[in-house]
Amino acid sequence: MSDIATIDCGYLATVQAMLEDNWTDPITNNDLLADVVVGKAVLENQQVKMTELNTPGKNKKVSLEWLQKCDVTTQECSTDCTIDGDDATPICKEYEMTCLRETSFKVPVKEYRSRTIDKQKSEAFNMGVHMKAMDEWVANYILLGIDANAGVNAFVGSPGNVVGTTTYIAANYWNENIFGYFKLVEAINKFRGTYLIDGQNMYMMLWNKMMESGNADGKGGAAKVTSIKTYQDIVNLINDYAKTYMLHKTSVAFKSRTWYPNGAGNAQKLPADTLAYSIPSFNLPGINYDVFVQSTCLNNEYYDAVKIQLHGLFAVNPAPCSETNTGILAFECGAGA
């Protein structure tokens, strides 16, 4: 039987504990596992540090300044009496973490008097599936950012056909030997710590090569396909994003921040019968959400209303002298225009 309980830190801590228990259950966590490989790929490789943007209790903007000097020339030796030249040019970019997304639900209190399921278990379940939806939104947001900031491939040799920011490669070249081409692209574009995010372009080929790696005649192919770290996201990289992306290690990053204490047991009391705390994502390590819980009454029914909110930033590394070298390249299977 469910009674009308006071929502306090202890109540919320119990809900969070139930949510964590759901993750340890191999059946219930099926509803909570999100398809977020593209997000994990970026989070695992990013190296940006924006500690100033995470100053507790402060909403700050940060302006990053760096120097740029392009088209430097040399000349024949001359007199030492007069030395001339130009200074480097300062470039500035501003970053700010803003509210990007939120999701909410409410649980009717009195209705659970006649249900066998406990109200707190329902709130824990709702928390899990709503956080999953947020995680999948983050992954898709990162994918959109990657695609929108793709640069131009500086290597125009075979088998690639460079058309704008997309390099097309005919279907018959998508075998283990394509990694030799990728290594050449990596070198010409001056990428470092390179990783690939692939959808279905290479899925079957990579699966076969790894399964054959124990065979005497399969070791070479396995060595080729493991020469560049590759993440495979067969769920998100489809339709308009059915591509393979090559990224320089520091080219992009996604950072989140929270405004309230970590953990439901440390929830902060706010006006309007609201408690607020933060909770880490279960699918995307490094991502954290703020959670707001209110007690409301509407049409003779009490509700526990919950909102999950994300503050964050998708950041692209400052471009070098070549504005088309963003540290991101996109490849598609096909002939191109």
C-alpha atoms as a PDB file:
ATOM      1  CA  MET A   1       0.000   0.000   0.000  1.00  0.00           C
ATOM      2  CA  SER A   2       1.281   3.461  -0.863  1.00  0.00           C
ATOM      3  CA  ASP A   3       0.800   6.362   1.518  1.00  0.00           C
ATOM      4  CA  ILE A   4       1.405  10.034   0.869  1.00  0.00           C
ATOM      5  CA  ALA A   5       5.042  10.337   1.899  1.00  0.00           C
ATOM      6  CA  THR A   6       7.061  13.453   2.534  1.00  0.00           C
ATOM      7  CA  ILE A   7       9.663  13.983  -0.154  1.00  0.00           C
ATOM      8  CA  ASP A   8      12.982  14.574   1.553  1.00  0.00           C
ATOM      9  CA  CYS A   9      16.597  13.562   1.054  1.00  0.00           C
ATOM     10  CA  GLY A  10      16.004  10.118   2.549  1.00  0.00           C
ATOM     11  CA  TYR A  11      13.039   9.465   0.257  1.00  0.00           C
ATOM     12  CA  LEU A  12      15.007  10.542  -2.820  1.00  0.00           C
ATOM     13  CA  ALA A  13      18.043   8.502  -1.762  1.00  0.00           C
ATOM     14  CA  THR A  14      15.821   5.409  -1.625  1.00  0.00           C
ATOM     15  CA  VAL A  15      14.590   6.108  -5.167  1.00  0.00           C
ATOM     16  CA  GLN A  16      18.172   6.499  -6.385  1.00  0.00           C
ATOM     17  CA  ALA A  17      19.178   3.239  -4.702  1.00  0.00           C
ATOM     18  CA  MET A  18      16.295   1.461  -6.451  1.00  0.00           C
ATOM     19  CA  LEU A  19      17.434   2.960  -9.750  1.00  0.00           C
ATOM     20  CA  GLU A  20      20.954   1.670  -9.171  1.00  0.00           C
ATOM     21  CA  ASP A  21      19.531  -1.773  -8.312  1.00  0.00           C
ATOM     22  CA  ASN A  22      17.692  -1.778 -11.640  1.00  0.00           C
ATOM     23  CA  TRP A  23      21.058  -1.414 -13.358  1.00  0.00           C
ATOM     24  CA  THR A  24      22.435  -4.525 -11.671  1.00  0.00           C
ATOM     25  CA  ASP A  25      19.497  -6.633 -12.850  1.00  0.00           C
ATOM     26  CA  PRO A  26      20.238  -8.131 -16.307  1.00  0.00           C
ATOM     27  CA  ILE A  27      16.525  -8.079 -17.166  1.00  0.00           C
ATOM     28  CA  THR A  28      15.392  -4.653 -15.962  1.00  0.00           C
ATOM     29  CA  ASN A  29      18.484  -2.908 -17.299  1.00  0.00           C
ATOM     30  CA  ASN A  30      17.427  -3.802 -20.855  1.00  0.00           C
ATOM     31  CA  ASP A  31      15.062  -0.833 -20.641  1.00  0.00           C
ATOM     32  CA  LEU A  32      17.887   1.419 -19.465  1.00  0.00           C
ATOM     33  CA  LEU A  33      20.741   0.596 -21.824  1.00  0.00           C
ATOM     34  CA  ALA A  34      21.122   3.352 -24.399  1.00  0.00           C
ATOM     35  CA  ASP A  35      22.645   3.239 -27.888  1.00  0.00           C
ATOM     36  CA  VAL A  36      25.329   5.875 -27.398  1.00  0.00           C
ATOM     37  CA  VAL A  37      28.558   4.547 -28.926  1.00  0.00           C
ATOM     38  CA  VAL A  38      29.241   7.778 -30.820  1.00  0.00           C
ATOM     39  CA  GLY A  39      28.977   9.694 -27.540  1.00  0.00           C
ATOM     40  CA  LYS A  40      31.279   7.302 -25.704  1.00  0.00           C
ATOM     41  CA  ALA A  41      33.852   7.573 -28.493  1.00  0.00           C
ATOM     42  CA  VAL A  42      34.153  11.344 -28.085  1.00  0.00           C
ATOM     43  CA  LEU A  43      34.053  11.275 -24.268  1.00  0.00           C
ATOM     44  CA  GLU A  44      36.813   8.639 -24.116  1.00  0.00           C
ATOM     45  CA  ASN A  45      39.144  10.563 -26.435  1.00  0.00           C
ATOM     46  CA  GLN A  46      38.568  14.222 -25.587  1.00  0.00           C
ATOM     47  CA  GLN A  47      41.324  16.050 -23.760  1.00  0.00           C
ATOM     48  CA  VAL A  48      39.819  19.489 -23.201  1.00  0.00           C
ATOM     49  CA  LYS A  49      39.797  20.942 -19.693  1.00  0.00           C
ATOM     50  CA  MET A  50      37.336  23.751 -18.976  1.00  0.00           C
ATOM     51  CA  THR A  51      37.580  24.029 -15.201  1.00  0.00           C
ATOM     52  CA  GLU A  52      36.679  27.736 -15.284  1.00  0.00           C
ATOM     53  CA  LEU A  53      33.282  26.890 -16.788  1.00  0.00           C
ATOM     54  CA  ASN A  54      32.596  24.516 -13.883  1.00  0.00           C
ATOM     55  CA  THR A  55      33.099  27.105 -11.130  1.00  0.00           C
ATOM     56  CA  PRO A  56      30.543  26.172  -8.428  1.00  0.00           C
ATOM     57  CA  GLY A  57      27.557  28.532  -8.349  1.00  0.00           C
ATOM     58  CA  LYS A  58      28.818  30.704 -11.198  1.00  0.00           C
ATOM     59  CA  ASN A  59      27.635  30.890 -14.804  1.00  0.00           C
ATOM     60  CA  LYS A  60      30.745  31.910 -16.672  1.00  0.00           C
ATOM     61  CA  LYS A  61      31.875  32.480 -20.228  1.00  0.00           C
ATOM     62  CA  VAL A  62      35.449  31.708 -21.159  1.00  0.00           C
ATOM     63  CA  SER A  63      37.328  33.356 -24.004  1.00  0.00           C
ATOM     64  CA  LEU A  64      40.228  31.311 -25.308  1.00  0.00           C
ATOM     65  CA  GLU A  65      42.942  33.173 -27.172  1.00  0.00           C
ATOM     66  CA  TRP A  66      45.604  31.581 -29.333  1.00  0.00           C
ATOM     67  CA  LEU A  67      48.135  32.764 -31.876  1.00  0.00           C
ATOM     68  CA  GLN A  68      48.004  32.093 -35.587  1.00  0.00           C
ATOM     69  CA  LYS A  69      50.652  32.747 -38.203  1.00  0.00           C
ATOM     70  CA  CYS A  70      50.192  31.339 -41.669  1.00  0.00           C
ATOM     71  CA  ASP A  71      52.050  31.507 -44.986  1.00  0.00           C
ATOM     72  CA  VAL A  72      55.425  32.153 -43.378  1.00  0.00           C
ATOM     73  CA  THR A  73      58.078  32.665 -46.064  1.00  0.00           C
ATOM     74  CA  THR A  74      61.868  32.576 -46.295  1.00  0.00           C
ATOM     75  CA  GLN A  75      64.161  34.692 -48.445  1.00  0.00           C
ATOM     76  CA  GLU A  76      67.771  35.074 -49.471  1.00  0.00           C
ATOM     77  CA  CYS A  77      70.246  36.380 -46.942  1.00  0.00           C
ATOM     78  CA  SER A  78      70.375  40.197 -46.575  1.00  0.00           C
ATOM     79  CA  THR A  79      72.036  42.915 -44.535  1.00  0.00           C
ATOM     80  CA  ASP A  80      71.873  42.592 -40.748  1.00  0.00           C
ATOM     81  CA  CYS A  81      71.223  46.293 -40.208  1.00  0.00           C
ATOM     82  CA  THR A  82      67.463  46.146 -40.758  1.00  0.00           C
ATOM     83  CA  ILE A  83      65.234  43.289 -39.563  1.00  0.00           C
ATOM     84  CA  ASP A  84      61.617  43.368 -40.565  1.00  0.00           C
ATOM     85  CA  GLY A  85      58.582  41.041 -40.297  1.00  0.00           C
ATOM     86  CA  ASP A  86      55.124  40.555 -38.878  1.00  0.00           C
ATOM     87  CA  ASP A  87      53.845  39.396 -35.497  1.00  0.00           C
ATOM     88  CA  ALA A  88      51.462  36.470 -35.045  1.00  0.00           C
ATOM     89  CA  THR A  89      47.734  37.209 -35.140  1.00  0.00           C
ATOM     90  CA  PRO A  90      45.681  36.654 -31.966  1.00  0.00           C
ATOM     91  CA  ILE A  91      42.497  34.617 -32.475  1.00  0.00           C
ATOM     92  CA  CYS A  92      39.723  34.399 -29.875  1.00  0.00           C
ATOM     93  CA  LYS A  93      36.805  32.004 -29.321  1.00  0.00           C
ATOM     94  CA  GLU A  94      34.165  32.152 -26.590  1.00  0.00           C
ATOM     95  CA  TYR A  95      32.681  29.148 -24.774  1.00  0.00           C
ATOM     96  CA  GLU A  96      29.681  28.950 -22.454  1.00  0.00           C
ATOM     97  CA  MET A  97      27.715  26.069 -20.969  1.00  0.00           C
ATOM     98  CA  THR A  98      23.974  26.499 -21.412  1.00  0.00           C
ATOM     99  CA  CYS A  99      20.836  24.461 -20.773  1.00  0.00           C
ATOM    100  CA  LEU A 100      20.631  22.053 -23.706  1.00  0.00           C
ATOM    101  CA  ARG A 101      17.784  19.639 -22.935  1.00  0.00           C
ATOM    102  CA  GLU A 102      15.363  18.425 -20.309  1.00  0.00           C
ATOM    103  CA  THR A 103      12.731  15.757 -19.755  1.00  0.00           C
ATOM    104  CA  SER A 104      10.062  15.397 -17.074  1.00  0.00           C
ATOM    105  CA  PHE A 105       7.420  13.103 -15.625  1.00  0.00           C
ATOM    106  CA  LYS A 106       5.011  13.058 -12.687  1.00  0.00           C
ATOM    107  CA  VAL A 107       3.735  10.176 -10.578  1.00  0.00           C
ATOM    108  CA  PRO A 108       0.218  10.340  -9.022  1.00  0.00           C
ATOM    109  CA  VAL A 109       0.475   9.708  -5.294  1.00  0.00           C
ATOM    110  CA  LYS A 110      -3.033   8.575  -4.293  1.00  0.00           C
ATOM    111  CA  GLU A 111      -3.352   6.306  -7.322  1.00  0.00           C
ATOM    112  CA  TYR A 112      -0.615   4.062  -5.907  1.00  0.00           C
ATOM    113  CA  ARG A 113      -2.776   3.247  -2.894  1.00  0.00           C
ATOM    114  CA  SER A 114      -4.533   0.665  -5.063  1.00  0.00           C
ATOM    115  CA  ARG A 115      -1.465  -0.604  -6.916  1.00  0.00           C
ATOM    116  CA  THR A 116       0.814  -3.463  -5.923  1.00  0.00           C
ATOM    117  CA  ILE A 117       3.882  -1.602  -7.242  1.00  0.00           C
ATOM    118  CA  ASP A 118       5.424   0.825  -4.779  1.00  0.00           C
ATOM    119  CA  LYS A 119       5.431   4.484  -5.803  1.00  0.00           C
ATOM    120  CA  GLN A 120       9.164   4.802  -5.211  1.00  0.00           C
ATOM    121  CA  LYS A 121       9.836   1.872  -7.548  1.00  0.00           C
ATOM    122  CA  SER A 122       7.776   3.610 -10.207  1.00  0.00           C
ATOM    123  CA  GLU A 123       9.764   6.808  -9.742  1.00  0.00           C
ATOM    124  CA  ALA A 124      13.022   4.862  -9.994  1.00  0.00           C
ATOM    125  CA  PHE A 125      11.844   3.199 -13.217  1.00  0.00           C
ATOM    126  CA  ASN A 126      10.761   6.539 -14.663  1.00  0.00           C
ATOM    127  CA  MET A 127      14.102   8.083 -13.721  1.00  0.00           C
ATOM    128  CA  GLY A 128      15.938   5.328 -15.560  1.00  0.00           C
ATOM    129  CA  VAL A 129      14.038   5.484 -18.836  1.00  0.00           C
ATOM    130  CA  HIS A 130      14.033   9.292 -18.903  1.00  0.00           C
ATOM    131  CA  MET A 131      17.782   9.384 -18.269  1.00  0.00           C
ATOM    132  CA  LYS A 132      18.209   6.883 -21.095  1.00  0.00           C
ATOM    133  CA  ALA A 133      16.312   9.249 -23.402  1.00  0.00           C
ATOM    134  CA  MET A 134      18.617  12.081 -22.342  1.00  0.00           C
ATOM    135  CA  ASP A 135      21.695   9.931 -22.955  1.00  0.00           C
ATOM    136  CA  GLU A 136      20.529   9.064 -26.455  1.00  0.00           C
ATOM    137  CA  TRP A 137      19.821  12.721 -27.153  1.00  0.00           C
ATOM    138  CA  VAL A 138      23.368  13.598 -26.069  1.00  0.00           C
ATOM    139  CA  ALA A 139      24.818  10.960 -28.398  1.00  0.00           C
ATOM    140  CA  ASN A 140      22.760  12.262 -31.315  1.00  0.00           C
ATOM    141  CA  TYR A 141      23.689  15.871 -30.460  1.00  0.00           C
ATOM    142  CA  ILE A 142      27.370  14.931 -30.548  1.00  0.00           C
ATOM    143  CA  LEU A 143      26.884  13.170 -33.894  1.00  0.00           C
ATOM    144  CA  LEU A 144      25.183  16.250 -35.364  1.00  0.00           C
ATOM    145  CA  GLY A 145      28.089  18.380 -34.111  1.00  0.00           C
ATOM    146  CA  ILE A 146      30.648  16.069 -35.674  1.00  0.00           C
ATOM    147  CA  ASP A 147      28.869  16.012 -39.024  1.00  0.00           C
ATOM    148  CA  ALA A 148      28.270  19.775 -39.105  1.00  0.00           C
ATOM    149  CA  ASN A 149      31.965  20.483 -38.481  1.00  0.00           C
ATOM    150  CA  ALA A 150      33.471  18.022 -40.952  1.00  0.00           C
ATOM    151  CA  GLY A 151      36.416  19.490 -42.830  1.00  0.00           C
ATOM    152  CA  VAL A 152      37.798  18.971 -46.313  1.00  0.00           C
ATOM    153  CA  ASN A 153      40.080  16.013 -46.980  1.00  0.00           C
ATOM    154  CA  ALA A 154      43.483  17.335 -48.062  1.00  0.00           C
ATOM    155  CA  PHE A 155      44.355  14.036 -49.746  1.00  0.00           C
ATOM    156  CA  VAL A 156      42.594  13.804 -53.104  1.00  0.00           C
ATOM    157  CA  GLY A 157      44.222  10.563 -54.272  1.00  0.00           C
ATOM    158  CA  SER A 158      42.552   7.222 -55.019  1.00  0.00           C
ATOM    159  CA  PRO A 159      40.327   5.564 -53.953  1.00  0.00           C
ATOM    160  CA  GLY A 160      38.689   8.624 -52.419  1.00  0.00           C
ATOM    161  CA  ASN A 161      36.617  11.145 -54.374  1.00  0.00           C
ATOM    162  CA  VAL A 162      36.579  14.376 -52.369  1.00  0.00           C
ATOM    163  CA  VAL A 163      33.363  16.335 -52.870  1.00  0.00           C
ATOM    164  CA  GLY A 164      33.100  19.249 -50.457  1.00  0.00           C
ATOM    165  CA  THR A 165      33.301  17.927 -46.895  1.00  0.00           C
ATOM    166  CA  THR A 166      32.560  14.320 -47.883  1.00  0.00           C
ATOM    167  CA  THR A 167      35.001  11.800 -49.329  1.00  0.00           C
ATOM    168  CA  TYR A 168      33.251   9.093 -51.345  1.00  0.00           C
ATOM    169  CA  ILE A 169      34.788   5.628 -51.638  1.00  0.00           C
ATOM    170  CA  ALA A 170      33.366   2.990 -53.990  1.00  0.00           C
ATOM    171  CA  ALA A 171      31.906  -0.124 -52.346  1.00  0.00           C
ATOM    172  CA  ASN A 172      34.596  -2.498 -53.666  1.00  0.00           C
ATOM    173  CA  TYR A 173      37.291  -0.651 -51.672  1.00  0.00           C
ATOM    174  CA  TRP A 174      35.643  -1.152 -48.267  1.00  0.00           C
ATOM    175  CA  ASN A 175      37.862  -4.069 -47.242  1.00  0.00           C
ATOM    176  CA  GLU A 176      40.841  -4.400 -44.887  1.00  0.00           C
ATOM    177  CA  ASN A 177      43.078  -2.532 -47.358  1.00  0.00           C
ATOM    178  CA  ILE A 178      41.070   0.651 -46.847  1.00  0.00           C
ATOM    179  CA  PHE A 179      43.027   1.147 -43.620  1.00  0.00           C
ATOM    180  CA  GLY A 180      46.148   1.791 -45.691  1.00  0.00           C
ATOM    181  CA  TYR A 181      44.242   4.599 -47.383  1.00  0.00           C
ATOM    182  CA  PHE A 182      43.015   5.885 -44.013  1.00  0.00           C
ATOM    183  CA  LYS A 183      46.604   5.972 -42.704  1.00  0.00           C
ATOM    184  CA  LEU A 184      47.617   8.032 -45.751  1.00  0.00           C
ATOM    185  CA  VAL A 185      44.693  10.404 -45.179  1.00  0.00           C
ATOM    186  CA  GLU A 186      45.700  10.669 -41.524  1.00  0.00           C
ATOM    187  CA  ALA A 187      49.259  11.652 -42.429  1.00  0.00           C
ATOM    188  CA  ILE A 188      48.405  14.159 -45.172  1.00  0.00           C
ATOM    189  CA  ASN A 189      45.800  15.865 -42.984  1.00  0.00           C
ATOM    190  CA  LYS A 190      48.201  15.878 -40.009  1.00  0.00           C
ATOM    191  CA  PHE A 191      45.850  14.069 -37.630  1.00  0.00           C
ATOM    192  CA  ARG A 192      47.236  12.680 -34.371  1.00  0.00           C
ATOM    193  CA  GLY A 193      45.752  10.127 -31.986  1.00  0.00           C
ATOM    194  CA  THR A 194      43.243   9.340 -34.721  1.00  0.00           C
ATOM    195  CA  TYR A 195      40.080   7.320 -34.176  1.00  0.00           C
ATOM    196  CA  LEU A 196      37.234   6.265 -36.450  1.00  0.00           C
ATOM    197  CA  ILE A 197      33.507   6.173 -35.756  1.00  0.00           C
ATOM    198  CA  ASP A 198      31.825   3.794 -38.176  1.00  0.00           C
ATOM    199  CA  GLY A 199      28.232   2.737 -38.701  1.00  0.00           C
ATOM    200  CA  GLN A 200      27.565  -0.120 -41.064  1.00  0.00           C
ATOM    201  CA  ASN A 201      30.120   0.668 -43.781  1.00  0.00           C
ATOM    202  CA  MET A 202      32.695  -1.675 -42.267  1.00  0.00           C
ATOM    203  CA  TYR A 203      30.699  -3.640 -39.709  1.00  0.00           C
ATOM    204  CA  MET A 204      30.624  -7.007 -41.441  1.00  0.00           C
ATOM    205  CA  MET A 205      34.168  -6.679 -42.749  1.00  0.00           C
ATOM    206  CA  LEU A 206      35.562  -5.829 -39.304  1.00  0.00           C
ATOM    207  CA  TRP A 207      33.611  -8.649 -37.679  1.00  0.00           C
ATOM    208  CA  ASN A 208      34.978 -11.169 -40.173  1.00  0.00           C
ATOM    209  CA  LYS A 209      38.564  -9.966 -39.889  1.00  0.00           C
ATOM    210  CA  MET A 210      38.540 -10.156 -36.101  1.00  0.00           C
ATOM    211  CA  MET A 211      36.966 -13.632 -36.145  1.00  0.00           C
ATOM    212  CA  GLU A 212      39.680 -14.760 -38.567  1.00  0.00           C
ATOM    213  CA  SER A 213      42.525 -13.186 -36.571  1.00  0.00           C
ATOM    214  CA  GLY A 214      43.462 -16.540 -35.044  1.00  0.00           C
ATOM    215  CA  ASN A 215      43.968 -18.150 -38.434  1.00  0.00           C
ATOM    216  CA  ALA A 216      47.412 -18.154 -39.996  1.00  0.00           C
ATOM    217  CA  ASP A 217      46.095 -16.379 -43.092  1.00  0.00           C
ATOM    218  CA  GLY A 218      43.889 -14.011 -41.098  1.00  0.00           C
ATOM    219  CA  LYS A 219      46.484 -12.296 -38.921  1.00  0.00           C
ATOM    220  CA  GLY A 220      47.489  -9.792 -41.578  1.00  0.00           C
ATOM    221  CA  GLY A 221      43.938  -8.602 -42.149  1.00  0.00           C
ATOM    222  CA  ALA A 222      43.348  -8.251 -38.416  1.00  0.00           C
ATOM    223  CA  ALA A 223      46.519  -6.195 -38.060  1.00  0.00           C
ATOM    224  CA  LYS A 224      45.354  -3.850 -40.799  1.00  0.00           C
ATOM    225  CA  VAL A 225      41.908  -3.193 -39.339  1.00  0.00           C
ATOM    226  CA  THR A 226      43.295  -2.561 -35.858  1.00  0.00           C
ATOM    227  CA  SER A 227      45.868  -0.011 -37.053  1.00  0.00           C
ATOM    228  CA  ILE A 228      43.370   2.770 -36.185  1.00  0.00           C
ATOM    229  CA  LYS A 229      41.049   2.618 -33.165  1.00  0.00           C
ATOM    230  CA  THR A 230      37.524   2.129 -34.485  1.00  0.00           C
ATOM    231  CA  TYR A 231      34.179   2.564 -32.726  1.00  0.00           C
ATOM    232  CA  GLN A 232      31.081   1.068 -34.303  1.00  0.00           C
ATOM    233  CA  ASP A 233      27.703   2.712 -33.819  1.00  0.00           C
ATOM    234  CA  ILE A 234      25.269   0.817 -36.030  1.00  0.00           C
ATOM    235  CA  VAL A 235      22.217   2.516 -34.511  1.00  0.00           C
ATOM    236  CA  ASN A 236      22.935   6.237 -34.818  1.00  0.00           C
ATOM    237  CA  LEU A 237      25.078   6.298 -37.972  1.00  0.00           C
ATOM    238  CA  ILE A 238      22.273   5.547 -40.418  1.00  0.00           C
ATOM    239  CA  ASN A 239      20.289   7.352 -43.139  1.00  0.00           C
ATOM    240  CA  ASP A 240      21.785  10.843 -43.601  1.00  0.00           C
ATOM    241  CA  TYR A 241      24.605   9.886 -41.231  1.00  0.00           C
ATOM    242  CA  ALA A 242      25.497   6.500 -42.773  1.00  0.00           C
ATOM    243  CA  LYS A 243      29.124   7.544 -42.815  1.00  0.00           C
ATOM    244  CA  THR A 244      32.509   6.739 -41.355  1.00  0.00           C
ATOM    245  CA  TYR A 245      34.081   9.643 -39.470  1.00  0.00           C
ATOM    246  CA  MET A 246      37.794  10.135 -38.863  1.00  0.00           C
ATOM    247  CA  LEU A 247      38.660  12.385 -35.921  1.00  0.00           C
ATOM    248  CA  HIS A 248      41.853  13.943 -34.662  1.00  0.00           C
ATOM    249  CA  LYS A 249      41.982  13.122 -30.943  1.00  0.00           C
ATOM    250  CA  THR A 250      41.491  16.696 -29.700  1.00  0.00           C
ATOM    251  CA  SER A 251      39.138  17.906 -32.445  1.00  0.00           C
ATOM    252  CA  VAL A 252      35.860  17.811 -30.469  1.00  0.00           C
ATOM    253  CA  ALA A 253      34.637  17.487 -26.913  1.00  0.00           C
ATOM    254  CA  PHE A 254      31.393  17.453 -24.969  1.00  0.00           C
ATOM    255  CA  LYS A 255      31.320  18.774 -21.422  1.00  0.00           C
ATOM    256  CA  SER A 256      28.435  18.914 -18.953  1.00  0.00           C
ATOM    257  CA  ARG A 257      28.011  20.728 -15.660  1.00  0.00           C
ATOM    258  CA  THR A 258      25.558  20.638 -12.776  1.00  0.00           C
ATOM    259  CA  TRP A 259      24.335  23.276 -10.354  1.00  0.00           C
ATOM    260  CA  TYR A 260      23.321  21.131  -7.405  1.00  0.00           C
ATOM    261  CA  PRO A 261      24.974  18.627  -5.020  1.00  0.00           C
ATOM    262  CA  ASN A 262      25.784  15.147  -6.260  1.00  0.00           C
ATOM    263  CA  GLY A 263      23.472  12.411  -5.033  1.00  0.00           C
ATOM    264  CA  ALA A 264      19.833  12.403  -3.936  1.00  0.00           C
ATOM    265  CA  GLY A 265      20.886  12.125  -0.293  1.00  0.00           C
ATOM    266  CA  ASN A 266      22.452  15.578  -0.606  1.00  0.00           C
ATOM    267  CA  ALA A 267      19.475  17.232  -2.289  1.00  0.00           C
ATOM    268  CA  GLN A 268      19.212  20.993  -1.821  1.00  0.00           C
ATOM    269  CA  LYS A 269      15.958  22.607  -0.710  1.00  0.00           C
ATOM    270  CA  LEU A 270      14.656  25.216  -3.161  1.00  0.00           C
ATOM    271  CA  PRO A 271      11.537  27.423  -3.108  1.00  0.00           C
ATOM    272  CA  ALA A 272       8.128  26.105  -4.231  1.00  0.00           C
ATOM    273  CA  ASP A 273       8.512  22.743  -2.461  1.00  0.00           C
ATOM    274  CA  THR A 274      11.373  21.755  -4.742  1.00  0.00           C
ATOM    275  CA  LEU A 275      14.425  19.635  -4.008  1.00  0.00           C
ATOM    276  CA  ALA A 276      17.382  19.591  -6.402  1.00  0.00           C
ATOM    277  CA  TYR A 277      20.411  17.340  -6.791  1.00  0.00           C
ATOM    278  CA  SER A 278      22.628  15.957  -9.551  1.00  0.00           C
ATOM    279  CA  ILE A 279      23.125  12.431 -10.798  1.00  0.00           C
ATOM    280  CA  PRO A 280      25.647  10.874 -13.206  1.00  0.00           C
ATOM    281  CA  SER A 281      24.586   9.204 -16.417  1.00  0.00           C
ATOM    282  CA  PHE A 282      24.696   5.417 -16.308  1.00  0.00           C
ATOM    283  CA  ASN A 283      25.374   5.162 -20.047  1.00  0.00           C
ATOM    284  CA  LEU A 284      27.769   8.043 -20.645  1.00  0.00           C
ATOM    285  CA  PRO A 285      30.588   8.323 -18.070  1.00  0.00           C
ATOM    286  CA  GLY A 286      31.401  11.965 -17.459  1.00  0.00           C
ATOM    287  CA  ILE A 287      27.904  13.278 -18.196  1.00  0.00           C
ATOM    288  CA  ASN A 288      25.832  14.528 -15.261  1.00  0.00           C
ATOM    289  CA  TYR A 289      22.270  15.794 -14.948  1.00  0.00           C
ATOM    290  CA  ASP A 290      20.471  18.085 -12.529  1.00  0.00           C
ATOM    291  CA  VAL A 291      17.269  16.640 -11.063  1.00  0.00           C
ATOM    292  CA  PHE A 292      14.379  18.723  -9.683  1.00  0.00           C
ATOM    293  CA  VAL A 293      11.604  17.137  -7.603  1.00  0.00           C
ATOM    294  CA  GLN A 294       8.375  18.923  -6.668  1.00  0.00           C
ATOM    295  CA  SER A 295       5.285  18.008  -4.671  1.00  0.00           C
ATOM    296  CA  THR A 296       2.253  19.296  -6.544  1.00  0.00           C
ATOM    297  CA  CYS A 297      -1.529  19.052  -6.358  1.00  0.00           C
ATOM    298  CA  LEU A 298      -3.868  19.105  -9.347  1.00  0.00           C
ATOM    299  CA  ASN A 299      -7.566  18.138  -9.638  1.00  0.00           C
ATOM    300  CA  ASN A 300      -7.647  16.475  -6.220  1.00  0.00           C
ATOM    301  CA  GLU A 301      -4.528  14.406  -6.911  1.00  0.00           C
ATOM    302  CA  TYR A 302      -1.061  14.800  -5.442  1.00  0.00           C
ATOM    303  CA  TYR A 303       1.941  14.298  -7.685  1.00  0.00           C
ATOM    304  CA  ASP A 304       5.662  13.776  -7.367  1.00  0.00           C
ATOM    305  CA  ALA A 305       6.885  15.764 -10.378  1.00  0.00           C
ATOM    306  CA  VAL A 306      10.446  15.259 -11.611  1.00  0.00           C
ATOM    307  CA  LYS A 307      12.518  17.141 -14.172  1.00  0.00           C
ATOM    308  CA  ILE A 308      15.937  16.008 -15.455  1.00  0.00           C
ATOM    309  CA  GLN A 309      18.020  18.751 -17.013  1.00  0.00           C
ATOM    310  CA  LEU A 310      21.298  18.935 -18.936  1.00  0.00           C
ATOM    311  CA  HIS A 311      23.683  21.887 -19.046  1.00  0.00           C
ATOM    312  CA  GLY A 312      26.586  21.421 -21.392  1.00  0.00           C
ATOM    313  CA  LEU A 313      28.674  22.389 -24.369  1.00  0.00           C
ATOM    314  CA  PHE A 314      29.813  20.762 -27.601  1.00  0.00           C
ATOM    315  CA  ALA A 315      33.187  22.293 -28.379  1.00  0.00           C
ATOM    316  CA  VAL A 316      35.249  22.185 -31.567  1.00  0.00           C
ATOM    317  CA  ASN A 317      39.000  22.659 -31.332  1.00  0.00           C
ATOM    318  CA  PRO A 318      40.239  25.994 -32.720  1.00  0.00           C
ATOM    319  CA  ALA A 319      41.157  25.606 -36.396  1.00  0.00           C
ATOM    320  CA  PRO A 320      44.770  25.846 -37.542  1.00  0.00           C
ATOM    321  CA  CYS A 321      45.820  27.996 -40.518  1.00  0.00           C
ATOM    322  CA  SER A 322      43.624  25.938 -42.822  1.00  0.00           C
ATOM    323  CA  GLU A 323      40.014  26.672 -41.875  1.00  0.00           C
ATOM    324  CA  THR A 324      38.913  23.548 -43.729  1.00  0.00           C
ATOM    325  CA  ASN A 325      41.078  21.326 -41.506  1.00  0.00           C
ATOM    326  CA  THR A 326      38.732  20.921 -38.550  1.00  0.00           C
ATOM    327  CA  GLY A 327      40.170  17.619 -37.369  1.00  0.00           C
ATOM    328  CA  ILE A 328      37.059  15.803 -38.635  1.00  0.00           C
ATOM    329  CA  LEU A 329      36.636  13.973 -41.943  1.00  0.00           C
ATOM    330  CA  ALA A 330      33.537  12.202 -43.281  1.00  0.00           C
ATOM    331  CA  PHE A 331      33.587   9.216 -45.665  1.00  0.00           C
ATOM    332  CA  GLU A 332      30.659   7.671 -47.503  1.00  0.00           C
ATOM    333  CA  CYS A 333      30.275   4.485 -49.475  1.00  0.00           C
ATOM    334  CA  GLY A 334      29.560   5.434 -53.093  1.00  0.00           C
ATOM    335  CA  ALA A 335      30.937   7.192 -56.154  1.00  0.00           C
ATOM    336  CA  GLY A 336      29.936  10.756 -55.278  1.00  0.00           C
ATOM    337  CA  ALA A 337      29.124  13.498 -57.768  1.00  0.00           C
END
